[in-house]
Amino acid sequence: MAEALSFTGVGFAYPGAEDPALRGATFSLPEGAFALVAGPTGAGKSTLLRCCNGLVPHFTGGRFEGRVRVGGRDTLEHRPRTLAATVGFVPQDPGASFVLDRVEDELAYAMENLGVPRGAMRRRVEEVLDLMRIEPLRGRSVRQLSGGERQRVAIAAALTAGPRVLVLDEPTSQLDPQGAEDVLAALARLVHELGTTVLMAEHRLERVVGTVDLALGCRPGEPPRLGPTAEVLAWLGAGPPVARLGRLLGWRPVPLTVREARRAAGSLGRLPGPPPRPARLPAPGEPLLRAEGLRADHGRGPVLQGVDLELRRGEVVALMGRNGAGKTTLLRCLVGLHPPAAGRVVAAGGRPPEPGRDAALCPQVPEHLLYRSRAVEEVAVTLRARGRDGAEALALLEELGIGSLAPRHPREVSAGQRLLIAVAAVVATGAPALLLDEPTRGLDPEAKGRLSELLRRFAAGGGGAVVATHDVELAAALATRVVLLAGGEVIADGPPAEVLADSPVFSPEMTRVFGPGWLTPEQVARALGA
């Protein structure tokens, strides 16, 4: 079978960086492969993907060695614009790739540059709109889309050019679970029916391991390793929650999917009984933020309708719902950045919230908060503005596991690391309510665990947090409450074990294996005496 993509001795270091982001990458993907790129945050996954269409080194500069061939073409000899018909690329931040304002125009843009005949362009746009299930968005402005909607449009725009190789950097990171399933099913169709080669980086392994054929593992300072998915994930010590449970219980082989975990559980001879009642949490304290009859819109009809929501001291609330349900708008209303069309939001004392004082928001795009030349300064400048010692900034970065990034420019680190820097800057405001919009995008499980622990300590110290997320495993492990939005309305509000128990879309893997009430691998392992 012909090679679609090959790396030979590829190494790369960004301008001014002492250590290479990528070293000794040698592997090849056959035509029609569906491959996962996995590894910890900052291991070079995004850099590797950007080598595939020549963005590294033509756009980035830096020290590059080795050869990359895509569709038989050398990326050093062909610049990204000449490779556009061969390889499609979707970055972590989908909005960064948009050129035009209207969705349908954005889908046609690449074909116009490639000289595709008008009739073929129209047909291909319609096909991709249907494939990605975004036909209702065709006339919308890309600036008015939710993060997940932008992600789908960016993938669709890459597909319209008809590339033989499709490279995607965390394509489901901002999608709700059903949307992620739809996108992965569409990618699988491209692979199996059209022979497209797909190379995809992803941290939410529970979504993708049952779909891909191969995995490419990345570890800092080591050459990437290509092989069967189970072998590569074992080499990385990674995997979805069912794999973590398998390691805790000593299962061999370690399961990677819910189906495999159910089979393994059936051979135990005993299953955990009814889940234990959740540990009694301290009663939440006084309200920090309260929305009453909240209605909000963006000029095209209501986004939120009659929302009542309260955040109290000691709570970590997971805000969930499908793309476009109104989660980001609700966070912006709670922090005081989006004026309600009706109803009100009040902070402690019954007054409107003051951004940065009563509540602080970390947005989906962390770059909106980052403007200093060193990561430590992003945090220190806020601390000093509050009359605090700027030296505390390093301690906060270390708490999130990114102390080594203190002297680095935020634009020089991975997307997940930038997000953690932005979280640290938000925490530094001292606001009692933290509002985080998709804060685990680009984070490996270890980094996600550190962020979760910071939020637990923050809540235990008298603060409160609302985390808008599509990560059901995060909600199951972290949240004291789950609030589910649909159509701009609150349709569920309660403990994770209740709200996530009977949801076919928002249930965690342990619920799917062992039934309602089971939320985390550690909870199941304790019940089985492991």
Protein backbone atom coordinates (compact mmCIF):
# COMPACT_ATOMS: atom_id res chain seq x y z
CA MET A 1 0.00 0.00 0.00
CA ALA A 2 1.30 3.46 -0.92
CA GLU A 3 2.55 5.83 1.76
CA ALA A 4 0.35 8.84 2.45
CA LEU A 5 2.68 10.49 4.96
CA SER A 6 6.25 9.79 6.03
CA PHE A 7 8.70 11.34 8.49
CA THR A 8 12.42 10.57 8.25
CA GLY A 9 14.68 11.72 11.10
CA VAL A 10 12.59 14.83 11.73
CA GLY A 11 13.68 17.14 14.53
CA PHE A 12 12.61 20.71 15.23
CA ALA A 13 13.30 23.48 17.75
CA TYR A 14 11.36 26.74 17.86
CA PRO A 15 13.29 30.03 17.48
CA GLY A 16 15.13 30.85 20.69
CA ALA A 17 14.28 27.51 22.33
CA GLU A 18 17.11 25.51 23.88
CA ASP A 19 15.37 22.12 23.73
CA PRO A 20 13.81 20.67 20.59
CA ALA A 21 10.04 20.27 20.49
CA LEU A 22 10.45 17.22 18.27
CA ARG A 23 13.37 14.85 17.77
CA GLY A 24 14.09 11.74 15.71
CA ALA A 25 10.59 11.35 14.29
CA THR A 26 10.66 8.46 11.81
CA PHE A 27 7.46 6.72 10.76
CA SER A 28 5.09 6.34 7.82
CA LEU A 29 1.32 6.10 7.46
CA PRO A 30 -0.25 4.12 4.62
CA GLU A 31 -3.11 5.50 2.56
CA GLY A 32 -6.45 5.12 4.32
CA ALA A 33 -4.99 4.94 7.85
CA PHE A 34 -6.88 6.44 10.79
CA ALA A 35 -4.18 7.30 13.34
CA LEU A 36 -4.30 8.86 16.79
CA VAL A 37 -1.51 11.10 18.10
CA ALA A 38 -1.37 10.75 21.89
CA GLY A 39 0.91 11.92 24.66
CA PRO A 40 1.22 14.33 27.56
CA THR A 41 0.71 18.07 27.33
CA GLY A 42 3.80 19.71 25.80
CA ALA A 43 5.15 16.50 24.24
CA GLY A 44 5.25 17.96 20.72
CA LYS A 45 1.99 16.66 19.25
CA SER A 46 0.90 19.97 17.72
CA THR A 47 4.40 20.57 16.38
CA LEU A 48 4.37 17.16 14.69
CA LEU A 49 1.00 17.88 13.10
CA ARG A 50 2.18 21.26 11.81
CA CYS A 51 5.10 19.54 10.10
CA CYS A 52 2.62 17.63 7.93
CA ASN A 53 1.66 20.63 5.79
CA GLY A 54 4.85 22.66 6.09
CA LEU A 55 3.67 25.21 8.66
CA VAL A 56 6.75 23.93 10.49
CA PRO A 57 9.20 25.30 9.47
CA HIS A 58 7.94 27.69 6.73
CA PHE A 59 5.64 29.66 9.03
CA THR A 60 7.34 29.17 12.39
CA GLY A 61 11.01 29.47 11.51
CA GLY A 62 13.35 27.59 13.84
CA ARG A 63 15.81 24.73 13.43
CA PHE A 64 14.47 21.90 11.26
CA GLU A 65 16.12 18.67 10.22
CA GLY A 66 15.00 15.56 8.38
CA ARG A 67 12.32 15.13 5.71
CA VAL A 68 8.53 15.04 5.66
CA ARG A 69 6.71 13.76 2.61
CA VAL A 70 2.95 14.02 2.19
CA GLY A 71 1.38 12.51 -0.89
CA GLY A 72 4.92 12.05 -2.21
CA ARG A 73 5.73 15.77 -1.93
CA ASP A 74 8.56 17.11 0.24
CA THR A 75 7.32 19.81 2.63
CA LEU A 76 10.66 21.64 2.44
CA GLU A 77 10.30 21.98 -1.33
CA HIS A 78 6.57 22.81 -1.29
CA ARG A 79 5.13 25.56 0.87
CA PRO A 80 1.80 25.16 2.73
CA ARG A 81 -0.23 26.93 0.03
CA THR A 82 0.91 24.45 -2.63
CA LEU A 83 0.12 21.51 -0.33
CA ALA A 84 -3.42 22.70 0.43
CA ALA A 85 -5.04 20.37 -2.10
CA THR A 86 -3.13 17.39 -0.68
CA VAL A 87 -3.31 17.90 3.08
CA GLY A 88 -6.04 19.62 5.10
CA PHE A 89 -5.17 21.02 8.51
CA VAL A 90 -7.48 21.97 11.41
CA PRO A 91 -5.71 23.71 14.32
CA GLN A 92 -6.55 23.56 18.04
CA ASP A 93 -8.13 27.00 17.87
CA PRO A 94 -10.58 26.65 14.96
CA GLY A 95 -11.26 30.39 14.80
CA ALA A 96 -7.61 31.00 13.91
CA SER A 97 -8.14 29.39 10.50
CA PHE A 98 -11.18 31.45 9.45
CA VAL A 99 -10.78 34.04 6.70
CA LEU A 100 -14.36 35.00 5.81
CA ASP A 101 -17.31 35.89 8.02
CA ARG A 102 -20.14 33.75 6.64
CA VAL A 103 -20.03 29.98 7.18
CA GLU A 104 -20.90 29.03 3.60
CA ASP A 105 -18.32 31.45 2.22
CA GLU A 106 -15.66 30.02 4.54
CA LEU A 107 -16.39 26.53 3.25
CA ALA A 108 -15.94 27.69 -0.35
CA TYR A 109 -12.82 29.76 0.26
CA ALA A 110 -10.20 27.02 -0.14
CA MET A 111 -11.82 25.75 -3.34
CA GLU A 112 -11.86 29.25 -4.83
CA ASN A 113 -8.11 29.49 -4.25
CA LEU A 114 -7.61 26.08 -5.85
CA GLY A 115 -9.63 27.03 -8.95
CA VAL A 116 -12.36 24.42 -8.45
CA PRO A 117 -15.19 24.91 -11.02
CA ARG A 118 -18.23 26.71 -9.62
CA GLY A 119 -20.63 23.78 -10.08
CA ALA A 120 -18.28 21.40 -8.29
CA MET A 121 -17.81 23.94 -5.51
CA ARG A 122 -21.55 24.19 -4.89
CA ARG A 123 -21.99 20.42 -4.82
CA ARG A 124 -19.06 19.89 -2.48
CA VAL A 125 -20.25 22.57 -0.05
CA GLU A 126 -23.66 20.89 0.17
CA GLU A 127 -22.09 17.47 0.71
CA VAL A 128 -19.84 18.70 3.51
CA LEU A 129 -22.66 20.64 5.18
CA ASP A 130 -24.61 17.38 5.36
CA LEU A 131 -21.60 15.25 6.34
CA MET A 132 -20.77 17.49 9.32
CA ARG A 133 -24.45 18.18 10.12
CA ILE A 134 -24.03 21.95 10.05
CA GLU A 135 -26.53 22.92 7.34
CA PRO A 136 -28.47 25.17 9.79
CA LEU A 137 -25.27 27.20 10.27
CA ARG A 138 -24.64 27.98 6.60
CA GLY A 139 -25.82 31.61 6.75
CA ARG A 140 -24.40 32.39 10.20
CA SER A 141 -21.39 34.55 10.98
CA VAL A 142 -18.44 32.51 12.27
CA ARG A 143 -18.11 35.13 15.02
CA GLN A 144 -21.55 34.21 16.38
CA LEU A 145 -20.91 30.48 16.66
CA SER A 146 -20.22 28.57 19.85
CA GLY A 147 -16.80 26.96 20.29
CA GLY A 148 -18.11 23.56 19.23
CA GLU A 149 -19.90 24.99 16.20
CA ARG A 150 -16.68 26.73 15.13
CA GLN A 151 -14.86 23.45 15.46
CA ARG A 152 -17.28 21.67 13.13
CA VAL A 153 -17.12 24.50 10.59
CA ALA A 154 -13.30 24.43 10.63
CA ILE A 155 -13.29 20.68 9.92
CA ALA A 156 -15.85 21.17 7.15
CA ALA A 157 -13.75 23.94 5.59
CA ALA A 158 -10.73 21.63 5.52
CA LEU A 159 -12.79 18.86 3.89
CA THR A 160 -14.19 20.92 1.01
CA ALA A 161 -10.78 21.04 -0.68
CA GLY A 162 -10.90 17.23 -0.94
CA PRO A 163 -7.51 16.51 0.68
CA ARG A 164 -6.04 13.02 0.58
CA VAL A 165 -4.58 13.54 4.06
CA LEU A 166 -6.49 15.25 6.87
CA VAL A 167 -4.63 16.45 9.97
CA LEU A 168 -6.63 17.53 13.02
CA ASP A 169 -5.45 18.93 16.35
CA GLU A 170 -7.95 17.94 19.06
CA PRO A 171 -11.00 18.02 16.77
CA THR A 172 -13.48 17.07 19.51
CA SER A 173 -12.12 19.22 22.35
CA GLN A 174 -15.01 21.70 22.20
CA LEU A 175 -17.74 19.31 21.08
CA ASP A 176 -20.49 17.86 23.21
CA PRO A 177 -20.43 14.03 23.42
CA GLN A 178 -23.04 13.55 20.68
CA GLY A 179 -21.33 16.07 18.43
CA ALA A 180 -18.02 14.30 18.95
CA GLU A 181 -19.57 10.97 17.97
CA ASP A 182 -21.01 12.53 14.82
CA VAL A 183 -17.67 14.06 13.80
CA LEU A 184 -15.75 10.84 14.44
CA ALA A 185 -18.33 8.87 12.46
CA ALA A 186 -17.91 11.31 9.57
CA LEU A 187 -14.12 10.94 9.70
CA ALA A 188 -14.45 7.14 9.77
CA ARG A 189 -16.59 7.32 6.62
CA LEU A 190 -13.88 9.34 4.88
CA VAL A 191 -11.31 6.73 5.85
CA HIS A 192 -13.28 3.60 5.00
CA GLU A 193 -15.24 4.78 1.97
CA LEU A 194 -12.93 7.32 0.32
CA GLY A 195 -9.50 6.15 1.48
CA THR A 196 -8.64 9.45 3.17
CA THR A 197 -5.74 9.28 5.61
CA VAL A 198 -6.57 10.91 8.97
CA LEU A 199 -4.01 11.88 11.60
CA MET A 200 -5.62 13.24 14.73
CA ALA A 201 -4.28 14.43 18.10
CA GLU A 202 -6.68 13.97 21.01
CA HIS A 203 -6.55 13.90 24.82
CA ARG A 204 -10.08 12.58 25.43
CA LEU A 205 -9.11 9.04 24.58
CA GLU A 206 -12.44 7.55 25.62
CA ARG A 207 -13.92 9.20 22.54
CA VAL A 208 -11.50 7.92 19.93
CA VAL A 209 -9.79 4.65 20.87
CA GLY A 210 -12.60 2.54 19.47
CA THR A 211 -12.39 4.30 16.10
CA VAL A 212 -8.69 4.61 15.18
CA ASP A 213 -6.49 1.92 13.59
CA LEU A 214 -3.08 3.03 14.88
CA ALA A 215 -1.57 5.32 17.46
CA LEU A 216 1.49 7.54 17.40
CA GLY A 217 2.82 8.10 20.90
CA CYS A 218 4.76 11.24 21.85
CA ARG A 219 6.87 11.63 24.99
CA PRO A 220 9.04 14.69 25.75
CA GLY A 221 12.61 14.25 24.56
CA GLU A 222 11.99 10.93 22.81
CA PRO A 223 11.24 9.95 19.21
CA PRO A 224 7.53 9.28 18.56
CA ARG A 225 6.48 5.62 18.44
CA LEU A 226 3.95 4.25 15.93
CA GLY A 227 2.09 1.00 16.52
CA PRO A 228 -1.16 -0.69 17.53
CA THR A 229 -3.27 1.55 19.75
CA ALA A 230 -3.14 -0.71 22.82
CA GLU A 231 0.66 -1.07 22.66
CA VAL A 232 1.31 2.65 22.22
CA LEU A 233 -1.06 3.66 25.02
CA ALA A 234 0.58 1.09 27.31
CA TRP A 235 3.98 2.62 26.44
CA LEU A 236 2.59 6.04 27.35
CA GLY A 237 0.86 4.75 30.49
CA ALA A 238 -2.29 6.40 29.13
CA GLY A 239 -5.80 5.40 28.24
CA PRO A 240 -9.47 6.11 28.87
CA PRO A 241 -11.07 5.57 32.32
CA VAL A 242 -11.79 1.90 31.60
CA ALA A 243 -8.07 1.38 31.00
CA ARG A 244 -7.29 3.06 34.32
CA LEU A 245 -9.75 0.70 36.02
CA GLY A 246 -8.16 -2.28 34.25
CA ARG A 247 -4.73 -1.32 35.59
CA LEU A 248 -6.11 -0.86 39.11
CA LEU A 249 -7.72 -4.33 39.00
CA GLY A 250 -4.87 -6.05 37.17
CA TRP A 251 -6.92 -6.98 34.11
CA ARG A 252 -5.02 -8.44 31.13
CA PRO A 253 -5.43 -7.25 28.51
CA VAL A 254 -6.27 -3.77 29.68
CA PRO A 255 -9.62 -2.74 28.15
CA LEU A 256 -9.80 0.35 25.97
CA THR A 257 -13.55 0.51 25.30
CA VAL A 258 -16.72 0.17 27.36
CA ARG A 259 -17.53 -3.03 25.48
CA GLU A 260 -14.20 -4.60 26.40
CA ALA A 261 -14.58 -3.46 30.02
CA ARG A 262 -18.01 -5.05 30.27
CA ARG A 263 -16.59 -8.35 29.07
CA ALA A 264 -13.76 -8.14 31.58
CA ALA A 265 -16.17 -7.23 34.38
CA GLY A 266 -18.33 -10.23 33.52
CA SER A 267 -15.42 -12.55 34.24
CA LEU A 268 -14.87 -11.17 37.73
CA GLY A 269 -17.36 -13.57 39.28
CA ARG A 270 -18.65 -10.68 41.36
CA LEU A 271 -19.74 -7.19 40.49
CA PRO A 272 -19.92 -4.20 42.78
CA GLY A 273 -23.33 -3.88 44.40
CA PRO A 274 -25.25 -0.63 44.56
CA PRO A 275 -22.84 2.30 44.62
CA PRO A 276 -22.06 3.72 48.05
CA ARG A 277 -23.89 6.86 49.02
CA PRO A 278 -21.72 9.89 48.22
CA ALA A 279 -19.67 11.17 51.12
CA ARG A 280 -21.58 13.89 52.89
CA LEU A 281 -20.07 17.16 51.80
CA PRO A 282 -20.01 20.22 54.04
CA ALA A 283 -23.10 22.32 53.48
CA PRO A 284 -22.31 25.04 50.95
CA GLY A 285 -21.86 28.51 52.37
CA GLU A 286 -23.34 31.84 51.45
CA PRO A 287 -24.22 32.66 47.84
CA LEU A 288 -21.42 34.16 45.73
CA LEU A 289 -23.45 34.66 42.53
CA ARG A 290 -27.14 34.32 41.79
CA ALA A 291 -29.00 34.50 38.48
CA GLU A 292 -32.73 35.19 38.69
CA GLY A 293 -35.02 34.82 35.68
CA LEU A 294 -32.05 35.43 33.42
CA ARG A 295 -32.70 36.05 29.74
CA ALA A 296 -29.94 36.87 27.26
CA ASP A 297 -29.57 37.12 23.50
CA HIS A 298 -27.10 38.06 20.78
CA GLY A 299 -29.51 39.85 18.48
CA ARG A 300 -30.84 36.69 16.83
CA GLY A 301 -33.31 35.53 19.45
CA PRO A 302 -32.92 34.34 23.04
CA VAL A 303 -29.86 32.32 24.02
CA LEU A 304 -30.88 32.01 27.68
CA GLN A 305 -34.48 31.92 28.87
CA GLY A 306 -35.60 32.21 32.50
CA VAL A 307 -32.40 30.79 34.01
CA ASP A 308 -32.24 30.58 37.80
CA LEU A 309 -28.85 29.53 39.14
CA GLU A 310 -26.93 29.96 42.36
CA LEU A 311 -23.25 29.44 43.17
CA ARG A 312 -22.34 29.14 46.85
CA ARG A 313 -19.05 29.01 48.69
CA GLY A 314 -17.60 25.50 48.71
CA GLU A 315 -19.21 24.42 45.43
CA VAL A 316 -17.70 23.29 42.13
CA VAL A 317 -20.51 23.33 39.58
CA ALA A 318 -20.13 21.57 36.22
CA LEU A 319 -22.15 23.41 33.58
CA MET A 320 -22.99 21.02 30.75
CA GLY A 321 -25.13 20.82 27.62
CA ARG A 322 -24.85 20.43 23.88
CA ASN A 323 -23.03 22.98 21.71
CA GLY A 324 -25.02 26.19 21.45
CA ALA A 325 -27.01 25.54 24.65
CA GLY A 326 -25.89 28.88 26.13
CA LYS A 327 -23.08 27.86 28.50
CA THR A 328 -20.58 30.54 27.45
CA THR A 329 -23.26 33.23 27.44
CA LEU A 330 -24.31 32.22 30.95
CA LEU A 331 -20.72 32.50 32.20
CA ARG A 332 -20.38 35.94 30.63
CA CYS A 333 -23.61 37.05 32.31
CA LEU A 334 -22.46 35.69 35.67
CA VAL A 335 -19.16 37.57 35.51
CA GLY A 336 -20.86 40.81 34.44
CA LEU A 337 -19.58 41.02 30.85
CA HIS A 338 -22.89 40.34 29.06
CA PRO A 339 -25.86 42.52 30.11
CA PRO A 340 -29.04 40.44 30.57
CA ALA A 341 -32.01 41.23 28.35
CA ALA A 342 -34.23 40.42 31.34
CA GLY A 343 -33.80 39.17 34.89
CA ARG A 344 -30.65 39.90 36.83
CA VAL A 345 -27.37 38.60 38.20
CA VAL A 346 -26.29 39.62 41.68
CA ALA A 347 -23.12 39.06 43.68
CA ALA A 348 -22.73 39.01 47.47
CA GLY A 349 -24.56 41.99 48.94
CA GLY A 350 -27.19 42.03 46.20
CA ARG A 351 -25.24 44.21 43.75
CA PRO A 352 -24.32 43.45 40.12
CA PRO A 353 -21.07 41.44 39.81
CA GLU A 354 -17.86 43.33 39.12
CA PRO A 355 -15.50 41.43 36.78
CA GLY A 356 -12.23 40.56 38.50
CA ARG A 357 -13.55 41.44 41.93
CA ASP A 358 -16.65 39.30 42.50
CA ALA A 359 -15.97 36.79 39.74
CA ALA A 360 -13.20 36.06 37.24
CA LEU A 361 -13.63 34.33 33.87
CA CYS A 362 -11.13 32.19 31.98
CA PRO A 363 -12.47 32.11 28.39
CA GLN A 364 -12.33 29.29 25.86
CA VAL A 365 -9.48 31.07 24.04
CA PRO A 366 -6.83 31.74 26.73
CA GLU A 367 -4.89 34.07 24.41
CA HIS A 368 -7.56 36.69 25.10
CA LEU A 369 -6.04 37.08 28.57
CA LEU A 370 -2.33 36.75 27.76
CA TYR A 371 -0.35 39.83 26.77
CA ARG A 372 2.94 39.70 28.72
CA SER A 373 6.26 38.37 27.40
CA ARG A 374 6.81 35.91 30.28
CA ALA A 375 4.35 33.45 31.77
CA VAL A 376 5.22 34.42 35.34
CA GLU A 377 4.45 38.07 34.56
CA GLU A 378 0.94 37.17 33.40
CA VAL A 379 0.25 36.18 37.00
CA ALA A 380 2.54 38.57 38.87
CA VAL A 381 1.05 41.71 37.32
CA THR A 382 -2.38 40.80 38.69
CA LEU A 383 -1.01 39.97 42.12
CA ARG A 384 0.85 43.29 42.31
CA ALA A 385 -2.29 45.17 41.27
CA ARG A 386 -3.94 43.69 44.37
CA GLY A 387 -1.04 44.73 46.59
CA ARG A 388 0.26 41.16 46.86
CA ASP A 389 3.81 39.94 46.44
CA GLY A 390 4.49 39.11 42.79
CA ALA A 391 6.75 36.28 43.97
CA GLU A 392 3.58 34.29 44.70
CA ALA A 393 3.14 33.94 40.93
CA LEU A 394 5.76 31.20 40.65
CA ALA A 395 4.12 29.21 43.46
CA LEU A 396 0.78 29.37 41.63
CA LEU A 397 2.37 28.17 38.38
CA GLU A 398 4.06 25.33 40.25
CA GLU A 399 0.75 24.34 41.80
CA LEU A 400 -0.51 23.76 38.26
CA GLY A 401 2.66 21.89 37.29
CA ILE A 402 3.98 24.58 34.94
CA GLY A 403 6.61 26.28 37.11
CA SER A 404 9.25 25.49 34.48
CA LEU A 405 7.37 27.69 32.02
CA ALA A 406 7.76 30.82 34.20
CA PRO A 407 10.40 32.51 31.95
CA ARG A 408 8.81 31.38 28.68
CA HIS A 409 6.68 33.53 26.38
CA PRO A 410 3.08 32.27 26.57
CA ARG A 411 2.90 32.11 22.77
CA GLU A 412 5.81 29.65 22.70
CA VAL A 413 4.17 26.88 24.75
CA SER A 414 1.48 24.34 23.90
CA ALA A 415 -2.21 25.27 23.85
CA GLY A 416 -2.86 23.28 27.03
CA GLN A 417 0.00 25.02 28.81
CA ARG A 418 -1.28 28.42 27.68
CA LEU A 419 -4.65 27.52 29.14
CA LEU A 420 -3.06 26.70 32.51
CA ILE A 421 -1.21 30.02 32.49
CA ALA A 422 -4.53 31.78 31.88
CA VAL A 423 -6.15 29.82 34.74
CA ALA A 424 -3.32 30.91 37.05
CA ALA A 425 -3.84 34.54 36.00
CA VAL A 426 -7.56 34.24 36.75
CA VAL A 427 -6.95 32.68 40.17
CA ALA A 428 -4.52 35.52 40.94
CA THR A 429 -7.38 38.04 40.80
CA GLY A 430 -8.52 36.83 44.21
CA ALA A 431 -12.14 36.78 43.06
CA PRO A 432 -14.22 34.41 45.21
CA ALA A 433 -16.01 32.95 42.16
CA LEU A 434 -14.03 31.36 39.32
CA LEU A 435 -15.77 30.79 35.99
CA LEU A 436 -13.87 28.50 33.60
CA ASP A 437 -14.99 27.88 30.01
CA GLU A 438 -13.75 24.50 28.73
CA PRO A 439 -10.62 24.59 30.93
CA THR A 440 -9.36 21.08 30.10
CA ARG A 441 -8.88 21.54 26.36
CA GLY A 442 -5.34 20.45 25.51
CA LEU A 443 -4.70 18.93 28.95
CA ASP A 444 -3.48 15.41 29.59
CA PRO A 445 -4.94 13.49 32.57
CA GLU A 446 -2.08 14.51 34.88
CA ALA A 447 -2.51 18.22 34.13
CA LYS A 448 -6.28 17.85 34.41
CA GLY A 449 -5.81 16.25 37.83
CA ARG A 450 -3.69 19.17 39.05
CA LEU A 451 -6.29 21.65 37.84
CA SER A 452 -9.04 19.66 39.57
CA GLU A 453 -7.09 19.61 42.83
CA LEU A 454 -6.58 23.39 42.65
CA LEU A 455 -10.33 23.88 42.22
CA ARG A 456 -11.10 21.54 45.13
CA ARG A 457 -8.76 23.47 47.41
CA PHE A 458 -10.19 26.76 46.19
CA ALA A 459 -13.71 25.62 47.03
CA ALA A 460 -12.62 24.16 50.39
CA GLY A 461 -11.08 27.54 51.22
CA GLY A 462 -14.42 29.31 50.78
CA GLY A 463 -14.48 30.03 47.07
CA GLY A 464 -16.77 28.64 44.40
CA ALA A 465 -16.32 27.65 40.76
CA VAL A 466 -18.48 27.08 37.70
CA VAL A 467 -16.81 24.95 35.02
CA ALA A 468 -18.46 24.86 31.60
CA THR A 469 -17.35 21.56 30.10
CA HIS A 470 -18.15 18.74 27.70
CA ASP A 471 -15.78 16.47 29.64
CA VAL A 472 -18.16 14.10 31.42
CA GLU A 473 -15.28 12.32 33.17
CA LEU A 474 -14.14 15.63 34.67
CA ALA A 475 -17.68 16.40 35.85
CA ALA A 476 -18.00 12.93 37.40
CA ALA A 477 -14.74 13.24 39.34
CA LEU A 478 -14.77 16.93 40.31
CA ALA A 479 -18.21 18.49 40.50
CA THR A 480 -20.33 18.83 43.62
CA ARG A 481 -23.27 19.73 41.35
CA VAL A 482 -24.04 19.31 37.67
CA VAL A 483 -26.25 21.83 35.90
CA LEU A 484 -27.53 20.76 32.48
CA LEU A 485 -28.59 23.37 29.92
CA ALA A 486 -30.73 22.76 26.83
CA GLY A 487 -32.22 25.39 24.58
CA GLY A 488 -31.07 28.12 26.95
CA GLU A 489 -32.93 26.62 29.93
CA VAL A 490 -31.80 24.66 32.98
CA ILE A 491 -33.24 21.15 32.61
CA ALA A 492 -31.36 19.45 35.47
CA ASP A 493 -29.52 20.60 38.58
CA GLY A 494 -28.22 18.15 41.18
CA PRO A 495 -25.42 15.80 42.32
CA PRO A 496 -23.36 14.17 39.53
CA ALA A 497 -24.53 10.67 40.47
CA GLU A 498 -28.13 11.72 39.81
CA VAL A 499 -27.83 14.06 36.82
CA LEU A 500 -25.34 11.86 34.93
CA ALA A 501 -26.91 8.54 35.96
CA ASP A 502 -29.48 7.95 33.25
CA SER A 503 -28.12 10.15 30.48
CA PRO A 504 -27.28 8.23 27.29
CA VAL A 505 -25.04 11.12 26.21
CA PHE A 506 -23.54 12.65 29.37
CA SER A 507 -22.86 9.51 31.42
CA PRO A 508 -19.23 8.61 32.32
CA GLU A 509 -17.66 5.29 31.34
CA MET A 510 -18.06 3.73 34.80
CA THR A 511 -21.81 4.34 34.64
CA ARG A 512 -21.93 2.64 31.26
CA VAL A 513 -20.05 -0.40 32.55
CA PHE A 514 -21.50 -0.86 36.05
CA GLY A 515 -24.73 1.16 36.08
CA PRO A 516 -26.04 4.41 37.59
CA GLY A 517 -24.16 5.93 40.50
CA TRP A 518 -20.71 4.63 39.57
CA LEU A 519 -18.63 7.61 38.49
CA THR A 520 -14.86 7.00 38.63
CA PRO A 521 -12.47 4.02 38.28
CA GLU A 522 -11.13 4.67 41.78
CA GLN A 523 -14.64 4.42 43.24
CA VAL A 524 -15.21 1.05 41.53
CA ALA A 525 -11.77 -0.28 42.49
CA ARG A 526 -12.36 0.56 46.16
CA ALA A 527 -15.69 -1.25 46.08
CA LEU A 528 -13.96 -4.35 44.67
CA GLY A 529 -11.24 -4.20 47.29
CA ALA A 530 -8.44 -3.23 44.92
